[in-house]
Amino acid sequence: MTCTEHRKFERADALNFLAYSCVDEKDGINSQQGIGRTLNISEGGVLLETDRPLDSTQAIFLTIALKDKVIDVKGKILWCKESEVGIFMSGIEFYGMEQDACPVLNQYLESFYKEPPL
């Protein structure tokens, strides 16, 4: 059995701390907030690790620390599964990024893709 890759962007394995807030888009009620970390990140999304499951029917607002900068981004929770007892992984697709966050994220990602010096 083969597994097909659905990602549009290459992901960089990176551990970054973040704060999140889950919001019901219909009524705007904030249902959950907390802290977590990225396991990998790309221009289009992030693999997020938290200590609580995330509801895939809600939007998520992330504030992610990338080295010495912080970006704010809105995303859609595509899936969530328990990876081990009390640890949850969630796939997040970005769809609302502050205009000034794009160059910061791109610069951060470029540092992973550059060829190492000889």
N, C-alpha and C. Protein backbone atom coordinates (compact mmCIF):
# COMPACT_ATOMS: atom_id res chain seq x y z
N MET A 1 0.84 -1.16 0.00
CA MET A 1 0.00 0.00 0.00
C MET A 1 0.90 1.24 0.00
N THR A 2 0.60 2.19 -0.86
CA THR A 2 1.39 3.42 -0.91
C THR A 2 0.61 4.56 -0.29
N CYS A 3 1.35 5.49 0.22
CA CYS A 3 0.76 6.66 0.86
C CYS A 3 1.03 7.87 -0.03
N THR A 4 0.00 8.63 -0.34
CA THR A 4 0.18 9.80 -1.19
C THR A 4 0.38 11.06 -0.35
N GLU A 5 1.29 11.87 -0.78
CA GLU A 5 1.58 13.12 -0.09
C GLU A 5 0.66 14.20 -0.64
N HIS A 6 -0.08 14.87 0.25
CA HIS A 6 -1.04 15.89 -0.17
C HIS A 6 -0.53 17.31 0.07
N ARG A 7 0.64 17.47 0.60
CA ARG A 7 1.14 18.80 0.94
C ARG A 7 1.59 19.55 -0.30
N LYS A 8 1.31 20.86 -0.30
CA LYS A 8 1.74 21.73 -1.39
C LYS A 8 3.14 22.28 -1.14
N PHE A 9 3.53 22.35 0.14
CA PHE A 9 4.80 22.98 0.52
C PHE A 9 5.67 21.99 1.29
N GLU A 10 6.97 22.11 1.08
CA GLU A 10 7.92 21.30 1.84
C GLU A 10 7.93 21.79 3.29
N ARG A 11 7.93 20.85 4.22
CA ARG A 11 7.92 21.23 5.64
C ARG A 11 9.31 21.11 6.24
N ALA A 12 9.61 22.04 7.13
CA ALA A 12 10.88 22.03 7.86
C ALA A 12 10.62 21.50 9.26
N ASP A 13 11.38 20.48 9.67
CA ASP A 13 11.27 19.99 11.04
C ASP A 13 11.81 21.07 11.96
N ALA A 14 10.94 21.58 12.83
CA ALA A 14 11.34 22.68 13.69
C ALA A 14 10.49 22.70 14.95
N LEU A 15 11.14 22.86 16.08
CA LEU A 15 10.44 22.97 17.36
C LEU A 15 10.38 24.44 17.74
N ASN A 16 9.16 24.99 17.75
CA ASN A 16 8.95 26.39 18.10
C ASN A 16 7.77 26.47 19.06
N PHE A 17 7.92 27.26 20.10
CA PHE A 17 6.82 27.44 21.04
C PHE A 17 5.75 28.34 20.43
N LEU A 18 4.51 28.11 20.84
CA LEU A 18 3.41 28.93 20.35
C LEU A 18 2.28 28.98 21.36
N ALA A 19 1.43 29.99 21.19
CA ALA A 19 0.19 30.10 21.95
C ALA A 19 -0.94 29.94 20.94
N TYR A 20 -2.02 29.29 21.36
CA TYR A 20 -3.14 29.10 20.44
C TYR A 20 -4.46 29.43 21.12
N SER A 21 -5.43 29.74 20.28
CA SER A 21 -6.78 30.01 20.73
C SER A 21 -7.73 29.43 19.69
N CYS A 22 -8.64 28.55 20.11
CA CYS A 22 -9.62 27.94 19.21
C CYS A 22 -10.93 28.71 19.33
N VAL A 23 -11.53 29.03 18.18
CA VAL A 23 -12.73 29.86 18.15
C VAL A 23 -13.76 29.22 17.24
N ASP A 24 -15.01 29.19 17.71
CA ASP A 24 -16.12 28.75 16.88
C ASP A 24 -16.41 29.87 15.90
N GLU A 25 -16.28 29.61 14.60
CA GLU A 25 -16.43 30.67 13.61
C GLU A 25 -17.87 31.15 13.48
N LYS A 26 -18.83 30.33 13.85
CA LYS A 26 -20.23 30.74 13.73
C LYS A 26 -20.60 31.79 14.76
N ASP A 27 -20.21 31.57 16.01
CA ASP A 27 -20.61 32.52 17.06
C ASP A 27 -19.44 33.30 17.65
N GLY A 28 -18.21 33.01 17.21
CA GLY A 28 -17.04 33.75 17.66
C GLY A 28 -16.61 33.47 19.09
N ILE A 29 -17.17 32.42 19.69
CA ILE A 29 -16.83 32.10 21.07
C ILE A 29 -15.48 31.37 21.15
N ASN A 30 -14.63 31.86 22.03
CA ASN A 30 -13.32 31.25 22.27
C ASN A 30 -13.55 30.03 23.16
N SER A 31 -13.31 28.84 22.62
CA SER A 31 -13.61 27.62 23.36
C SER A 31 -12.41 27.02 24.09
N GLN A 32 -11.22 27.36 23.63
CA GLN A 32 -10.03 26.73 24.22
C GLN A 32 -8.81 27.57 23.88
N GLN A 33 -7.91 27.66 24.82
CA GLN A 33 -6.63 28.30 24.55
C GLN A 33 -5.54 27.61 25.35
N GLY A 34 -4.33 27.73 24.86
CA GLY A 34 -3.24 27.06 25.55
C GLY A 34 -1.92 27.33 24.86
N ILE A 35 -0.93 26.54 25.22
CA ILE A 35 0.38 26.63 24.59
C ILE A 35 0.73 25.27 24.01
N GLY A 36 1.62 25.29 23.04
CA GLY A 36 2.06 24.05 22.41
C GLY A 36 3.37 24.32 21.70
N ARG A 37 3.70 23.43 20.77
CA ARG A 37 4.91 23.63 19.98
C ARG A 37 4.71 23.06 18.60
N THR A 38 5.45 23.61 17.66
CA THR A 38 5.44 23.07 16.31
C THR A 38 6.35 21.86 16.27
N LEU A 39 6.01 20.90 15.43
CA LEU A 39 6.91 19.78 15.15
C LEU A 39 7.52 19.96 13.77
N ASN A 40 6.73 20.54 12.87
CA ASN A 40 7.25 20.97 11.57
C ASN A 40 6.37 22.11 11.07
N ILE A 41 6.90 22.86 10.10
CA ILE A 41 6.20 24.06 9.63
C ILE A 41 6.53 24.29 8.17
N SER A 42 5.58 24.88 7.43
CA SER A 42 5.79 25.25 6.04
C SER A 42 5.04 26.55 5.78
N GLU A 43 5.09 27.01 4.53
CA GLU A 43 4.34 28.21 4.15
C GLU A 43 2.84 27.98 4.28
N GLY A 44 2.41 26.73 4.18
CA GLY A 44 0.99 26.43 4.16
C GLY A 44 0.41 25.88 5.44
N GLY A 45 1.25 25.53 6.41
CA GLY A 45 0.68 24.96 7.62
C GLY A 45 1.72 24.50 8.61
N VAL A 46 1.23 23.81 9.64
CA VAL A 46 2.09 23.41 10.74
C VAL A 46 1.57 22.11 11.35
N LEU A 47 2.49 21.30 11.83
CA LEU A 47 2.13 20.15 12.66
C LEU A 47 2.33 20.61 14.09
N LEU A 48 1.24 20.60 14.86
CA LEU A 48 1.20 21.18 16.19
C LEU A 48 1.08 20.10 17.25
N GLU A 49 1.83 20.25 18.34
CA GLU A 49 1.75 19.32 19.47
C GLU A 49 1.19 20.07 20.68
N THR A 50 0.13 19.51 21.29
CA THR A 50 -0.50 20.12 22.46
C THR A 50 -0.79 19.05 23.50
N ASP A 51 -1.20 19.49 24.68
CA ASP A 51 -1.55 18.53 25.73
C ASP A 51 -3.06 18.27 25.79
N ARG A 52 -3.80 18.86 24.85
CA ARG A 52 -5.25 18.65 24.77
C ARG A 52 -5.64 18.47 23.31
N PRO A 53 -6.71 17.72 23.04
CA PRO A 53 -7.16 17.58 21.66
C PRO A 53 -7.77 18.88 21.16
N LEU A 54 -7.64 19.12 19.85
CA LEU A 54 -8.23 20.30 19.22
C LEU A 54 -9.42 19.88 18.39
N ASP A 55 -10.46 20.69 18.38
CA ASP A 55 -11.71 20.42 17.67
C ASP A 55 -11.58 20.87 16.22
N SER A 56 -11.69 19.93 15.28
CA SER A 56 -11.50 20.25 13.87
C SER A 56 -12.64 21.05 13.26
N THR A 57 -13.68 21.35 14.01
CA THR A 57 -14.76 22.20 13.49
C THR A 57 -14.50 23.67 13.79
N GLN A 58 -13.39 23.98 14.44
CA GLN A 58 -13.12 25.35 14.84
C GLN A 58 -11.91 25.94 14.13
N ALA A 59 -11.88 27.26 14.11
CA ALA A 59 -10.71 27.97 13.61
C ALA A 59 -9.70 28.07 14.74
N ILE A 60 -8.44 28.23 14.38
CA ILE A 60 -7.40 28.36 15.40
C ILE A 60 -6.54 29.58 15.08
N PHE A 61 -6.25 30.34 16.11
CA PHE A 61 -5.36 31.49 15.99
C PHE A 61 -4.06 31.14 16.70
N LEU A 62 -2.95 31.29 15.98
CA LEU A 62 -1.65 30.91 16.50
C LEU A 62 -0.73 32.12 16.60
N THR A 63 0.02 32.19 17.66
CA THR A 63 1.12 33.14 17.79
C THR A 63 2.37 32.28 17.96
N ILE A 64 3.21 32.28 16.91
CA ILE A 64 4.34 31.36 16.84
C ILE A 64 5.65 32.13 16.98
N ALA A 65 6.52 31.65 17.86
CA ALA A 65 7.86 32.23 18.02
C ALA A 65 8.80 31.56 17.03
N LEU A 66 9.36 32.35 16.12
CA LEU A 66 10.32 31.87 15.12
C LEU A 66 11.65 32.57 15.37
N LYS A 67 12.54 31.88 16.04
CA LYS A 67 13.83 32.46 16.46
C LYS A 67 13.55 33.71 17.29
N ASP A 68 13.96 34.89 16.81
CA ASP A 68 13.77 36.12 17.59
C ASP A 68 12.56 36.93 17.14
N LYS A 69 11.67 36.35 16.34
CA LYS A 69 10.48 37.04 15.85
C LYS A 69 9.24 36.24 16.22
N VAL A 70 8.09 36.91 16.18
CA VAL A 70 6.81 36.27 16.49
C VAL A 70 5.84 36.59 15.36
N ILE A 71 5.08 35.58 14.90
CA ILE A 71 4.08 35.82 13.87
C ILE A 71 2.71 35.39 14.39
N ASP A 72 1.67 36.04 13.86
CA ASP A 72 0.29 35.68 14.15
C ASP A 72 -0.34 35.14 12.88
N VAL A 73 -1.04 34.02 13.01
CA VAL A 73 -1.64 33.39 11.84
C VAL A 73 -2.94 32.70 12.24
N LYS A 74 -3.88 32.69 11.32
CA LYS A 74 -5.15 31.99 11.51
C LYS A 74 -5.09 30.71 10.70
N GLY A 75 -5.67 29.65 11.23
CA GLY A 75 -5.63 28.38 10.53
C GLY A 75 -6.88 27.55 10.70
N LYS A 76 -6.90 26.47 9.95
CA LYS A 76 -7.99 25.50 10.02
C LYS A 76 -7.40 24.20 10.57
N ILE A 77 -8.06 23.62 11.56
CA ILE A 77 -7.61 22.35 12.14
C ILE A 77 -8.10 21.24 11.21
N LEU A 78 -7.19 20.58 10.52
CA LEU A 78 -7.57 19.53 9.56
C LEU A 78 -7.79 18.19 10.24
N TRP A 79 -6.98 17.90 11.25
CA TRP A 79 -7.10 16.63 11.96
C TRP A 79 -6.40 16.74 13.31
N CYS A 80 -6.75 15.83 14.21
CA CYS A 80 -6.11 15.77 15.52
C CYS A 80 -6.12 14.32 15.97
N LYS A 81 -4.97 13.85 16.47
CA LYS A 81 -4.90 12.48 17.00
C LYS A 81 -3.97 12.44 18.20
N GLU A 82 -4.24 11.50 19.08
CA GLU A 82 -3.39 11.32 20.26
C GLU A 82 -2.18 10.50 19.84
N SER A 83 -0.98 11.05 20.04
CA SER A 83 0.24 10.35 19.63
C SER A 83 0.78 9.48 20.75
N GLU A 84 0.56 9.89 21.97
CA GLU A 84 0.88 9.10 23.16
C GLU A 84 -0.02 9.64 24.26
N VAL A 85 -0.04 9.01 25.39
CA VAL A 85 -0.96 9.41 26.44
C VAL A 85 -0.77 10.88 26.81
N GLY A 86 -1.82 11.67 26.62
CA GLY A 86 -1.79 13.08 26.99
C GLY A 86 -1.08 14.00 26.02
N ILE A 87 -0.63 13.49 24.88
CA ILE A 87 0.03 14.31 23.86
C ILE A 87 -0.75 14.17 22.56
N PHE A 88 -1.13 15.32 21.98
CA PHE A 88 -1.95 15.32 20.77
C PHE A 88 -1.23 16.05 19.65
N MET A 89 -1.33 15.51 18.45
CA MET A 89 -0.77 16.14 17.26
C MET A 89 -1.93 16.57 16.38
N SER A 90 -1.82 17.78 15.82
CA SER A 90 -2.86 18.32 14.95
C SER A 90 -2.24 18.90 13.70
N GLY A 91 -2.87 18.63 12.57
CA GLY A 91 -2.47 19.23 11.31
C GLY A 91 -3.24 20.52 11.11
N ILE A 92 -2.53 21.62 10.93
CA ILE A 92 -3.15 22.94 10.78
C ILE A 92 -2.79 23.50 9.41
N GLU A 93 -3.81 23.97 8.68
CA GLU A 93 -3.59 24.65 7.40
C GLU A 93 -3.77 26.15 7.62
N PHE A 94 -2.77 26.94 7.23
CA PHE A 94 -2.85 28.39 7.37
C PHE A 94 -3.82 28.94 6.33
N TYR A 95 -4.63 29.92 6.72
CA TYR A 95 -5.43 30.63 5.73
C TYR A 95 -5.61 32.10 6.04
N GLY A 96 -5.08 32.57 7.10
CA GLY A 96 -5.16 33.99 7.40
C GLY A 96 -3.90 34.42 8.10
N MET A 97 -2.99 35.02 7.35
CA MET A 97 -1.71 35.41 7.94
C MET A 97 -1.58 36.92 7.84
N GLU A 98 -1.14 37.53 8.93
CA GLU A 98 -0.88 38.97 8.92
C GLU A 98 0.13 39.26 7.81
N GLN A 99 -0.05 40.39 7.13
CA GLN A 99 0.79 40.73 5.99
C GLN A 99 2.28 40.75 6.35
N ASP A 100 2.61 41.25 7.51
CA ASP A 100 4.03 41.33 7.89
C ASP A 100 4.59 39.98 8.34
N ALA A 101 3.72 38.97 8.52
CA ALA A 101 4.18 37.65 8.95
C ALA A 101 4.77 36.83 7.80
N CYS A 102 4.28 37.05 6.58
CA CYS A 102 4.76 36.26 5.43
C CYS A 102 6.26 36.34 5.22
N PRO A 103 6.85 37.54 5.16
CA PRO A 103 8.30 37.60 4.98
C PRO A 103 9.08 36.98 6.13
N VAL A 104 8.57 37.11 7.35
CA VAL A 104 9.24 36.53 8.52
C VAL A 104 9.25 35.01 8.41
N LEU A 105 8.09 34.43 8.06
CA LEU A 105 8.00 32.98 7.91
C LEU A 105 8.89 32.50 6.77
N ASN A 106 8.84 33.18 5.63
CA ASN A 106 9.66 32.78 4.49
C ASN A 106 11.15 32.84 4.80
N GLN A 107 11.57 33.89 5.48
CA GLN A 107 12.99 34.00 5.85
C GLN A 107 13.38 32.87 6.81
N TYR A 108 12.51 32.56 7.74
CA TYR A 108 12.77 31.48 8.69
C TYR A 108 12.90 30.15 7.94
N LEU A 109 11.98 29.88 7.01
CA LEU A 109 12.01 28.62 6.27
C LEU A 109 13.23 28.52 5.36
N GLU A 110 13.63 29.64 4.76
CA GLU A 110 14.81 29.63 3.88
C GLU A 110 16.06 29.17 4.62
N SER A 111 16.13 29.46 5.90
CA SER A 111 17.31 29.05 6.67
C SER A 111 17.43 27.53 6.75
N PHE A 112 16.32 26.80 6.58
CA PHE A 112 16.35 25.34 6.60
C PHE A 112 16.75 24.76 5.25
N TYR A 113 16.47 25.49 4.18
CA TYR A 113 16.66 24.94 2.85
C TYR A 113 17.98 25.33 2.21
N LYS A 114 18.72 26.25 2.82
CA LYS A 114 20.01 26.65 2.26
C LYS A 114 20.99 25.50 2.36
N GLU A 115 21.86 25.42 1.38
CA GLU A 115 22.91 24.41 1.38
C GLU A 115 23.89 24.68 2.52
N PRO A 116 24.29 23.67 3.26
CA PRO A 116 25.28 23.90 4.32
C PRO A 116 26.62 24.30 3.71
N PRO A 117 27.41 25.12 4.42
CA PRO A 117 28.71 25.53 3.89
C PRO A 117 29.66 24.34 3.79
N LEU A 118 30.55 24.40 2.79
CA LEU A 118 31.53 23.32 2.58
C LEU A 118 32.71 23.45 3.50
